[in-house]
Amino acid sequence: LIDDTFGLNNGIVELPGHLIGSGASSSQAPQGKGKIKVQLSSSDSLFAQLRDANFEQVGSIVKKRATFLKSVQDEKDQLQSVIEIK
């Protein structure tokens, strides 16, 4: 699906910057193009799960990951002190 949508060349996909968000370092984004090169490999746990998944399974896998990340973010937002964060 990634290859069909964005193109894939030697395990690297160029994604529009707005899809990556603020988590990517500015050194990854080429200036002026607005695209970020992302290396896809089995070291990325989400990619490792999705790589061989049937297309029908992709939605549920991504939804589970998004729900987990949302719960982690909510938990982080409720922390009050440095000791709780550690």
Protein backbone atom coordinates (compact mmCIF):
# COMPACT_ATOMS: atom_id res chain seq x y z
CA LEU A 1 0.00 0.00 0.00
CA ILE A 2 2.85 2.40 0.81
CA ASP A 3 4.50 1.54 -2.49
CA ASP A 4 1.25 2.09 -4.41
CA THR A 5 0.56 5.41 -2.70
CA PHE A 6 3.97 7.05 -2.30
CA GLY A 7 6.44 4.83 -4.13
CA LEU A 8 9.16 2.77 -2.56
CA ASN A 9 12.78 2.68 -3.65
CA ASN A 10 15.30 0.36 -1.93
CA GLY A 11 13.30 0.35 1.29
CA ILE A 12 13.05 4.15 1.39
CA VAL A 13 9.83 6.10 0.98
CA GLU A 14 9.55 9.88 0.59
CA LEU A 15 6.58 11.15 2.57
CA PRO A 16 5.09 14.64 2.63
CA GLY A 17 6.24 16.50 5.74
CA HIS A 18 2.70 17.06 7.03
CA LEU A 19 2.20 13.28 7.38
CA ILE A 20 5.24 12.88 9.64
CA GLY A 21 4.34 15.61 12.13
CA SER A 22 6.54 17.40 14.61
CA GLY A 23 8.22 14.22 15.88
CA ALA A 24 10.68 14.08 12.97
CA SER A 25 13.92 15.91 13.29
CA SER A 26 14.44 18.88 11.03
CA SER A 27 17.62 17.28 9.67
CA GLN A 28 15.50 14.60 7.99
CA ALA A 29 13.47 17.07 5.96
CA PRO A 30 15.14 18.40 2.82
CA GLN A 31 14.74 22.16 2.72
CA GLY A 32 12.26 23.48 0.16
CA LYS A 33 10.84 20.13 -0.94
CA GLY A 34 8.61 19.42 2.06
CA LYS A 35 9.32 15.69 1.82
CA ILE A 36 11.00 13.45 4.34
CA LYS A 37 12.85 10.24 3.48
CA VAL A 38 11.94 7.37 5.79
CA GLN A 39 13.84 4.07 5.87
CA LEU A 40 11.42 1.16 6.23
CA SER A 41 12.93 -1.83 8.00
CA SER A 42 12.00 -4.60 10.39
CA SER A 43 13.61 -2.62 13.21
CA ASP A 44 10.46 -0.47 13.21
CA SER A 45 7.94 -2.54 15.17
CA LEU A 46 4.87 -1.18 13.36
CA PHE A 47 6.36 -1.77 9.93
CA ALA A 48 7.41 -5.28 10.96
CA GLN A 49 3.78 -6.03 11.88
CA LEU A 50 2.31 -4.46 8.76
CA ARG A 51 4.82 -5.68 6.19
CA ASP A 52 3.35 -9.15 5.77
CA ALA A 53 -0.18 -8.43 6.99
CA ASN A 54 -3.18 -8.93 4.76
CA PHE A 55 -4.74 -5.63 3.64
CA GLU A 56 -7.88 -6.42 5.68
CA GLN A 57 -5.77 -6.64 8.87
CA VAL A 58 -3.95 -3.32 8.42
CA GLY A 59 -6.81 -1.17 9.71
CA SER A 60 -7.19 -3.06 12.98
CA ILE A 61 -3.41 -3.17 13.57
CA VAL A 62 -3.07 0.59 13.05
CA LYS A 63 -6.15 1.27 15.19
CA LYS A 64 -4.70 -0.77 18.08
CA ARG A 65 -1.39 1.11 17.84
CA ALA A 66 -3.16 4.50 17.67
CA THR A 67 -5.29 3.61 20.72
CA PHE A 68 -2.17 2.57 22.64
CA LEU A 69 -0.34 5.78 21.72
CA LYS A 70 -3.37 7.86 22.72
CA SER A 71 -3.50 6.17 26.14
CA VAL A 72 0.23 6.79 26.66
CA GLN A 73 -0.23 10.45 25.70
CA ASP A 74 -3.21 10.83 28.07
CA GLU A 75 -1.24 9.21 30.89
CA LYS A 76 1.70 11.55 30.25
CA ASP A 77 -0.57 14.60 30.27
CA GLN A 78 -1.89 13.69 33.73
CA LEU A 79 1.55 13.51 35.36
CA GLN A 80 2.10 16.40 37.73
CA SER A 81 5.67 16.19 39.02
CA VAL A 82 9.13 15.19 37.85
CA ILE A 83 9.06 12.18 40.21
CA GLU A 84 5.85 10.90 38.58
CA ILE A 85 7.37 11.31 35.12
CA LYS A 86 10.42 9.22 36.06
